[in-house]
Amino acid sequence: MNLEEKLENLLKPTIESMGFELWGFEYLPAGRHSILRVFVEKSDMGITVDDCAAVSRQISAIMDVEDPISSAYMLEVSSPGMDRLLFKPEQFKLYLNKPIQVRTAVGVLGRRKFKGPLVLANDTMIGIEIDGELYEITYDIIDKASVVAEF
């Protein structure tokens, strides 16, 4: 079980019992300066600073007892925001025909960075159209993906 699965199993029940949805995690290992970001969402009203603080207190208590990350880290709890990171196939599907940006671990047709409309999202891959060309990217090679905020 990888770290993301461990964290989801540990934290999702508590976050959901508080009335929030667990959107995803971002762990940035950097020795003593490592950061664990937990993104939560509330479907009806959005997230307030007080909401983030309450979730943070609950998560901290669980993390102190279970200790899934043995090294020091800073915990941040946040809303996914307008330029939200995308973690799971069902999240990508919500943004079909919307602009996203993706960075991959390996090249796809000579590229590692993509920015364009999401035209395909299924359980195994996404498709981004750039200059009339379709780039199909499997989830396992995506390093980071996010929605491009539109104003």
C-alpha atoms as a PDB file:
ATOM      1  CA  MET A   1       0.000   0.000   0.000  1.00  0.00           C
ATOM      2  CA  ASN A   2       1.494   3.358  -1.015  1.00  0.00           C
ATOM      3  CA  LEU A   3       1.421   6.519   1.116  1.00  0.00           C
ATOM      4  CA  GLU A   4      -1.603   7.983  -0.668  1.00  0.00           C
ATOM      5  CA  GLU A   5      -3.657   4.836  -0.034  1.00  0.00           C
ATOM      6  CA  LYS A   6      -2.584   4.751   3.627  1.00  0.00           C
ATOM      7  CA  LEU A   7      -3.527   8.395   4.103  1.00  0.00           C
ATOM      8  CA  GLU A   8      -6.868   7.964   2.380  1.00  0.00           C
ATOM      9  CA  ASN A   9      -7.738   4.943   4.527  1.00  0.00           C
ATOM     10  CA  LEU A  10      -6.718   6.799   7.692  1.00  0.00           C
ATOM     11  CA  LEU A  11      -8.240  10.207   7.034  1.00  0.00           C
ATOM     12  CA  LYS A  12     -11.211   9.855   4.697  1.00  0.00           C
ATOM     13  CA  PRO A  13     -13.691   8.514   7.302  1.00  0.00           C
ATOM     14  CA  THR A  14     -12.954  11.375   9.711  1.00  0.00           C
ATOM     15  CA  ILE A  15     -13.054  14.041   7.007  1.00  0.00           C
ATOM     16  CA  GLU A  16     -16.361  12.711   5.674  1.00  0.00           C
ATOM     17  CA  SER A  17     -17.839  12.474   9.184  1.00  0.00           C
ATOM     18  CA  MET A  18     -17.132  16.213   9.521  1.00  0.00           C
ATOM     19  CA  GLY A  19     -19.213  16.910   6.395  1.00  0.00           C
ATOM     20  CA  PHE A  20     -16.361  17.379   3.933  1.00  0.00           C
ATOM     21  CA  GLU A  21     -15.115  15.504   0.889  1.00  0.00           C
ATOM     22  CA  LEU A  22     -11.484  14.443   0.695  1.00  0.00           C
ATOM     23  CA  TRP A  23     -10.300  15.835  -2.665  1.00  0.00           C
ATOM     24  CA  GLY A  24      -6.697  14.608  -2.519  1.00  0.00           C
ATOM     25  CA  PHE A  25      -3.186  14.823  -1.071  1.00  0.00           C
ATOM     26  CA  GLU A  26       0.089  16.340  -2.124  1.00  0.00           C
ATOM     27  CA  TYR A  27       3.210  15.197  -0.268  1.00  0.00           C
ATOM     28  CA  LEU A  28       6.385  17.150  -0.953  1.00  0.00           C
ATOM     29  CA  PRO A  29       9.323  15.421   0.771  1.00  0.00           C
ATOM     30  CA  ALA A  30      12.150  17.825   1.593  1.00  0.00           C
ATOM     31  CA  GLY A  31      13.804  16.561   4.753  1.00  0.00           C
ATOM     32  CA  ARG A  32      12.790  18.654   7.783  1.00  0.00           C
ATOM     33  CA  HIS A  33      10.839  20.954   5.467  1.00  0.00           C
ATOM     34  CA  SER A  34       8.505  18.318   4.007  1.00  0.00           C
ATOM     35  CA  ILE A  35       4.887  19.346   3.417  1.00  0.00           C
ATOM     36  CA  LEU A  36       1.716  17.284   3.447  1.00  0.00           C
ATOM     37  CA  ARG A  37      -1.168  19.156   1.812  1.00  0.00           C
ATOM     38  CA  VAL A  38      -4.646  17.781   2.303  1.00  0.00           C
ATOM     39  CA  PHE A  39      -7.359  19.185   0.049  1.00  0.00           C
ATOM     40  CA  VAL A  40     -10.937  19.071   1.292  1.00  0.00           C
ATOM     41  CA  GLU A  41     -14.148  20.314  -0.251  1.00  0.00           C
ATOM     42  CA  LYS A  42     -17.660  21.028   0.903  1.00  0.00           C
ATOM     43  CA  SER A  43     -20.160  20.736  -1.902  1.00  0.00           C
ATOM     44  CA  ASP A  44     -22.753  23.245  -0.770  1.00  0.00           C
ATOM     45  CA  MET A  45     -20.905  26.279   0.584  1.00  0.00           C
ATOM     46  CA  GLY A  46     -17.176  26.066   0.053  1.00  0.00           C
ATOM     47  CA  ILE A  47     -14.454  25.936   2.686  1.00  0.00           C
ATOM     48  CA  THR A  48     -13.668  28.560   5.311  1.00  0.00           C
ATOM     49  CA  VAL A  49     -10.469  29.086   7.273  1.00  0.00           C
ATOM     50  CA  ASP A  50     -12.282  27.778  10.362  1.00  0.00           C
ATOM     51  CA  ASP A  51     -13.227  24.621   8.429  1.00  0.00           C
ATOM     52  CA  CYS A  52      -9.583  24.064   7.469  1.00  0.00           C
ATOM     53  CA  ALA A  53      -8.475  24.584  11.073  1.00  0.00           C
ATOM     54  CA  ALA A  54     -11.035  22.092  12.386  1.00  0.00           C
ATOM     55  CA  VAL A  55     -10.048  19.459   9.811  1.00  0.00           C
ATOM     56  CA  SER A  56      -6.371  20.118  10.524  1.00  0.00           C
ATOM     57  CA  ARG A  57      -6.842  19.467  14.257  1.00  0.00           C
ATOM     58  CA  GLN A  58      -8.574  16.145  13.581  1.00  0.00           C
ATOM     59  CA  ILE A  59      -6.005  15.061  10.989  1.00  0.00           C
ATOM     60  CA  SER A  60      -3.115  16.016  13.292  1.00  0.00           C
ATOM     61  CA  ALA A  61      -4.506  13.829  16.073  1.00  0.00           C
ATOM     62  CA  ILE A  62      -4.826  10.840  13.739  1.00  0.00           C
ATOM     63  CA  MET A  63      -1.378  11.372  12.205  1.00  0.00           C
ATOM     64  CA  ASP A  64       0.238  11.637  15.653  1.00  0.00           C
ATOM     65  CA  VAL A  65      -1.198   8.258  16.681  1.00  0.00           C
ATOM     66  CA  GLU A  66      -0.846   6.330  13.410  1.00  0.00           C
ATOM     67  CA  ASP A  67       2.419   7.960  12.218  1.00  0.00           C
ATOM     68  CA  PRO A  68       2.234   7.021   8.504  1.00  0.00           C
ATOM     69  CA  ILE A  69       5.005   9.536   7.715  1.00  0.00           C
ATOM     70  CA  SER A  70       7.952   8.830   9.987  1.00  0.00           C
ATOM     71  CA  SER A  71       9.910  12.008   9.187  1.00  0.00           C
ATOM     72  CA  ALA A  72       9.040  15.585  10.152  1.00  0.00           C
ATOM     73  CA  TYR A  73       6.546  17.455   7.938  1.00  0.00           C
ATOM     74  CA  MET A  74       4.275  20.477   7.957  1.00  0.00           C
ATOM     75  CA  LEU A  75       0.541  19.783   7.588  1.00  0.00           C
ATOM     76  CA  GLU A  76      -1.528  22.142   5.428  1.00  0.00           C
ATOM     77  CA  VAL A  77      -5.279  21.766   4.954  1.00  0.00           C
ATOM     78  CA  SER A  78      -6.826  23.697   2.084  1.00  0.00           C
ATOM     79  CA  SER A  79      -9.643  23.977  -0.391  1.00  0.00           C
ATOM     80  CA  PRO A  80      -8.713  22.634  -3.838  1.00  0.00           C
ATOM     81  CA  GLY A  81      -9.279  26.168  -5.195  1.00  0.00           C
ATOM     82  CA  MET A  82     -10.105  27.255  -8.731  1.00  0.00           C
ATOM     83  CA  ASP A  83      -6.885  25.822 -10.159  1.00  0.00           C
ATOM     84  CA  ARG A  84      -7.434  22.555  -8.322  1.00  0.00           C
ATOM     85  CA  LEU A  85      -5.145  19.606  -8.661  1.00  0.00           C
ATOM     86  CA  LEU A  86      -6.705  16.532 -10.222  1.00  0.00           C
ATOM     87  CA  PHE A  87      -5.912  13.163  -8.657  1.00  0.00           C
ATOM     88  CA  LYS A  88      -8.478  10.555  -9.733  1.00  0.00           C
ATOM     89  CA  PRO A  89     -10.238   9.585 -12.965  1.00  0.00           C
ATOM     90  CA  GLU A  90     -13.629  10.711 -11.617  1.00  0.00           C
ATOM     91  CA  GLN A  91     -12.171  14.174 -10.942  1.00  0.00           C
ATOM     92  CA  PHE A  92     -10.832  14.463 -14.486  1.00  0.00           C
ATOM     93  CA  LYS A  93     -14.262  13.488 -15.842  1.00  0.00           C
ATOM     94  CA  LEU A  94     -15.776  16.537 -14.098  1.00  0.00           C
ATOM     95  CA  TYR A  95     -13.643  18.820 -16.270  1.00  0.00           C
ATOM     96  CA  LEU A  96     -14.265  17.446 -19.759  1.00  0.00           C
ATOM     97  CA  ASN A  97     -13.969  20.198 -22.383  1.00  0.00           C
ATOM     98  CA  LYS A  98     -12.303  22.511 -19.851  1.00  0.00           C
ATOM     99  CA  PRO A  99      -8.660  23.603 -20.029  1.00  0.00           C
ATOM    100  CA  ILE A 100      -6.212  21.682 -17.865  1.00  0.00           C
ATOM    101  CA  GLN A 101      -2.454  21.469 -17.583  1.00  0.00           C
ATOM    102  CA  VAL A 102      -0.520  18.269 -17.101  1.00  0.00           C
ATOM    103  CA  ARG A 103       3.105  17.369 -16.435  1.00  0.00           C
ATOM    104  CA  THR A 104       4.155  13.778 -17.086  1.00  0.00           C
ATOM    105  CA  ALA A 105       7.013  11.659 -15.727  1.00  0.00           C
ATOM    106  CA  VAL A 106       7.930  10.505 -19.235  1.00  0.00           C
ATOM    107  CA  GLY A 107       7.501  12.044 -22.648  1.00  0.00           C
ATOM    108  CA  VAL A 108       4.389  11.541 -24.750  1.00  0.00           C
ATOM    109  CA  LEU A 109       5.046  12.205 -28.439  1.00  0.00           C
ATOM    110  CA  GLY A 110       8.089  14.257 -27.445  1.00  0.00           C
ATOM    111  CA  ARG A 111       6.391  16.361 -24.740  1.00  0.00           C
ATOM    112  CA  ARG A 112       6.147  16.315 -20.949  1.00  0.00           C
ATOM    113  CA  LYS A 113       4.043  19.460 -20.439  1.00  0.00           C
ATOM    114  CA  PHE A 114       0.549  19.834 -21.832  1.00  0.00           C
ATOM    115  CA  LYS A 115      -2.007  22.624 -21.634  1.00  0.00           C
ATOM    116  CA  GLY A 116      -5.298  22.488 -23.463  1.00  0.00           C
ATOM    117  CA  PRO A 117      -8.880  21.286 -23.336  1.00  0.00           C
ATOM    118  CA  LEU A 118      -9.522  17.896 -21.773  1.00  0.00           C
ATOM    119  CA  VAL A 119     -11.368  16.013 -24.519  1.00  0.00           C
ATOM    120  CA  LEU A 120     -11.170  12.468 -23.145  1.00  0.00           C
ATOM    121  CA  ALA A 121     -11.285  11.084 -19.612  1.00  0.00           C
ATOM    122  CA  ASN A 122     -11.954   7.424 -18.904  1.00  0.00           C
ATOM    123  CA  ASP A 123     -10.779   4.982 -16.247  1.00  0.00           C
ATOM    124  CA  THR A 124      -7.322   4.467 -17.785  1.00  0.00           C
ATOM    125  CA  MET A 125      -6.318   7.684 -19.576  1.00  0.00           C
ATOM    126  CA  ILE A 126      -7.021  11.270 -20.494  1.00  0.00           C
ATOM    127  CA  GLY A 127      -6.805  13.061 -23.811  1.00  0.00           C
ATOM    128  CA  ILE A 128      -5.714  16.676 -24.268  1.00  0.00           C
ATOM    129  CA  GLU A 129      -6.040  18.486 -27.561  1.00  0.00           C
ATOM    130  CA  ILE A 130      -3.237  20.880 -28.450  1.00  0.00           C
ATOM    131  CA  ASP A 131      -3.084  22.607 -31.846  1.00  0.00           C
ATOM    132  CA  GLY A 132      -5.454  20.051 -33.349  1.00  0.00           C
ATOM    133  CA  GLU A 133      -3.436  17.054 -32.131  1.00  0.00           C
ATOM    134  CA  LEU A 134      -4.741  14.621 -29.491  1.00  0.00           C
ATOM    135  CA  TYR A 135      -2.320  13.557 -26.771  1.00  0.00           C
ATOM    136  CA  GLU A 136      -3.428  10.456 -24.883  1.00  0.00           C
ATOM    137  CA  ILE A 137      -1.887  10.190 -21.428  1.00  0.00           C
ATOM    138  CA  THR A 138      -2.313   7.271 -19.036  1.00  0.00           C
ATOM    139  CA  TYR A 139      -2.851   8.143 -15.378  1.00  0.00           C
ATOM    140  CA  ASP A 140       0.213   6.207 -14.218  1.00  0.00           C
ATOM    141  CA  ILE A 141       2.626   8.643 -15.916  1.00  0.00           C
ATOM    142  CA  ILE A 142       0.980  11.877 -14.717  1.00  0.00           C
ATOM    143  CA  ASP A 143       3.186  13.732 -12.221  1.00  0.00           C
ATOM    144  CA  LYS A 144       0.812  16.629 -11.728  1.00  0.00           C
ATOM    145  CA  ALA A 145      -2.461  17.774 -13.287  1.00  0.00           C
ATOM    146  CA  SER A 146      -4.579  20.802 -12.542  1.00  0.00           C
ATOM    147  CA  VAL A 147      -7.500  22.785 -13.855  1.00  0.00           C
ATOM    148  CA  VAL A 148      -6.629  26.043 -15.582  1.00  0.00           C
ATOM    149  CA  ALA A 149      -8.667  28.727 -13.824  1.00  0.00           C
ATOM    150  CA  GLU A 150     -10.929  30.653 -16.182  1.00  0.00           C
ATOM    151  CA  PHE A 151     -12.022  34.179 -15.335  1.00  0.00           C
END
